[in-house]
């Protein structure tokens, strides 16, 4: 079993982060402000519920971010590319820079992408 835990997909993570950092705090402030102006007795409770949910979302997003960082494998080498005589992009070589790397079937492999410039 993968010990990284759950990871929220990047697009969903970015949306939820915006909701958690911008929208929910603004909604809580709006409820408190309007509730005070309009004399609404439930404003404090409602803002508290919004804030509690926002805090929980922060926990979930933080855990997902931590899991993502832990699951990100280190770079083991370079993927070197350039252009052929027709100007098409080609992969020239994969250069492993780590001594005795262990590759597991189905695991991820990170390589730095490097452009090799041919000098005429």
Protein backbone atom coordinates (compact mmCIF):
# COMPACT_ATOMS: atom_id res chain seq x y z
CA UNK A 1 0.00 0.00 0.00
CA UNK A 2 1.22 3.50 -0.84
CA UNK A 3 1.91 5.34 2.42
CA UNK A 4 1.53 8.78 0.81
CA UNK A 5 -2.19 8.90 1.63
CA UNK A 6 -4.74 10.88 -0.32
CA UNK A 7 -3.73 13.65 -2.69
CA UNK A 8 -6.26 16.13 -4.08
CA UNK A 9 -5.89 16.66 -7.86
CA UNK A 10 -4.11 19.98 -8.65
CA UNK A 11 -7.07 21.83 -10.22
CA UNK A 12 -9.42 20.89 -7.39
CA UNK A 13 -6.72 21.71 -4.83
CA UNK A 14 -6.24 25.22 -6.30
CA UNK A 15 -10.01 25.85 -6.30
CA UNK A 16 -10.46 24.63 -2.72
CA UNK A 17 -7.46 26.67 -1.60
CA UNK A 18 -9.05 29.81 -3.09
CA UNK A 19 -12.35 29.00 -1.36
CA UNK A 20 -10.57 28.37 1.95
CA UNK A 21 -8.25 31.39 1.85
CA UNK A 22 -10.54 33.98 0.25
CA UNK A 23 -14.23 33.14 -0.02
CA UNK A 24 -15.02 31.56 3.35
CA UNK A 25 -13.22 34.18 5.48
CA UNK A 26 -14.95 36.91 3.45
CA UNK A 27 -18.32 35.19 3.92
CA UNK A 28 -17.78 34.94 7.70
CA UNK A 29 -16.84 38.63 7.87
CA UNK A 30 -19.89 39.57 5.78
CA UNK A 31 -22.22 37.56 8.02
CA UNK A 32 -20.80 39.16 11.20
CA UNK A 33 -20.93 42.67 9.73
CA UNK A 34 -24.43 42.46 8.27
CA UNK A 35 -25.67 40.52 11.28
CA UNK A 36 -24.48 43.28 13.61
CA UNK A 37 -25.95 46.05 11.44
CA UNK A 38 -29.28 44.25 11.00
CA UNK A 39 -29.47 42.94 14.56
CA UNK A 40 -29.51 39.28 13.54
CA UNK A 41 -28.99 37.09 16.60
CA UNK A 42 -27.77 34.09 14.57
CA UNK A 43 -24.86 35.96 12.94
CA UNK A 44 -22.24 34.84 15.46
CA UNK A 45 -23.28 31.19 15.27
CA UNK A 46 -23.39 31.24 11.47
CA UNK A 47 -19.97 32.91 11.20
CA UNK A 48 -18.62 30.37 13.71
CA UNK A 49 -19.89 27.48 11.58
CA UNK A 50 -18.32 29.01 8.44
CA UNK A 51 -15.03 29.52 10.27
CA UNK A 52 -15.05 25.97 11.68
CA UNK A 53 -15.65 24.53 8.21
CA UNK A 54 -12.89 26.76 6.81
CA UNK A 55 -10.47 25.52 9.49
CA UNK A 56 -11.33 21.91 8.62
CA UNK A 57 -10.73 22.63 4.92
CA UNK A 58 -7.33 24.09 5.83
CA UNK A 59 -6.46 20.85 7.61
CA UNK A 60 -7.50 18.71 4.64
CA UNK A 61 -5.61 20.92 2.16
CA UNK A 62 -2.52 20.96 4.37
CA UNK A 63 -2.52 17.16 4.67
CA UNK A 64 -2.95 16.76 0.92
CA UNK A 65 -0.07 19.17 0.29
CA UNK A 66 2.14 17.31 2.77
CA UNK A 67 1.29 13.96 1.15
CA UNK A 68 2.06 15.37 -2.30
CA UNK A 69 5.47 16.63 -1.19
CA UNK A 70 6.31 13.27 0.43
CA UNK A 71 5.27 11.33 -2.67
CA UNK A 72 7.36 13.48 -5.02
CA UNK A 73 10.39 11.36 -5.92
CA UNK A 74 13.81 12.95 -6.24
CA UNK A 75 15.29 13.61 -9.66
CA UNK A 76 17.64 10.83 -10.71
CA UNK A 77 19.00 12.30 -13.91
CA UNK A 78 18.42 14.31 -17.06
CA UNK A 79 16.24 13.90 -20.14
CA UNK A 80 18.34 15.63 -22.79
CA UNK A 81 16.61 16.81 -25.93
CA UNK A 82 17.53 18.88 -28.94
CA UNK A 83 16.60 19.25 -32.58
CA UNK A 84 17.43 17.14 -35.61
CA UNK A 85 18.56 18.46 -38.97
CA UNK A 86 14.92 19.15 -39.94
CA UNK A 87 14.33 21.21 -36.78
CA UNK A 88 12.09 18.60 -35.10
CA UNK A 89 12.46 18.11 -31.36
CA UNK A 90 14.10 14.79 -30.47
CA UNK A 91 15.18 13.05 -27.29
CA UNK A 92 18.95 12.63 -27.47
CA UNK A 93 19.56 10.61 -24.32
CA UNK A 94 18.53 9.84 -20.76
CA UNK A 95 21.43 10.44 -18.41
CA UNK A 96 21.19 8.91 -14.91
CA UNK A 97 23.16 10.99 -12.39
CA UNK A 98 22.42 8.92 -9.29
CA UNK A 99 24.70 6.03 -8.44
CA UNK A 100 22.94 2.65 -8.33
CA UNK A 101 19.34 3.88 -8.60
CA UNK A 102 16.59 1.41 -7.75
CA UNK A 103 13.71 1.35 -10.23
CA UNK A 104 10.49 -0.42 -9.26
CA UNK A 105 7.97 -1.50 -11.87
CA UNK A 106 5.08 0.97 -11.91
CA UNK A 107 6.87 3.62 -9.84
CA UNK A 108 7.38 7.20 -10.92
CA UNK A 109 10.69 8.54 -12.15
CA UNK A 110 11.62 12.23 -12.15
CA UNK A 111 14.11 13.59 -14.64
CA UNK A 112 15.28 17.15 -15.22
CA UNK A 113 14.52 18.28 -18.77
CA UNK A 114 17.61 19.75 -20.41
CA UNK A 115 17.89 21.28 -23.88
CA UNK A 116 21.15 20.53 -25.64
CA UNK A 117 22.03 23.25 -28.11
CA UNK A 118 23.92 22.16 -31.20
CA UNK A 119 26.59 24.58 -32.32
CA UNK A 120 27.15 24.72 -36.10
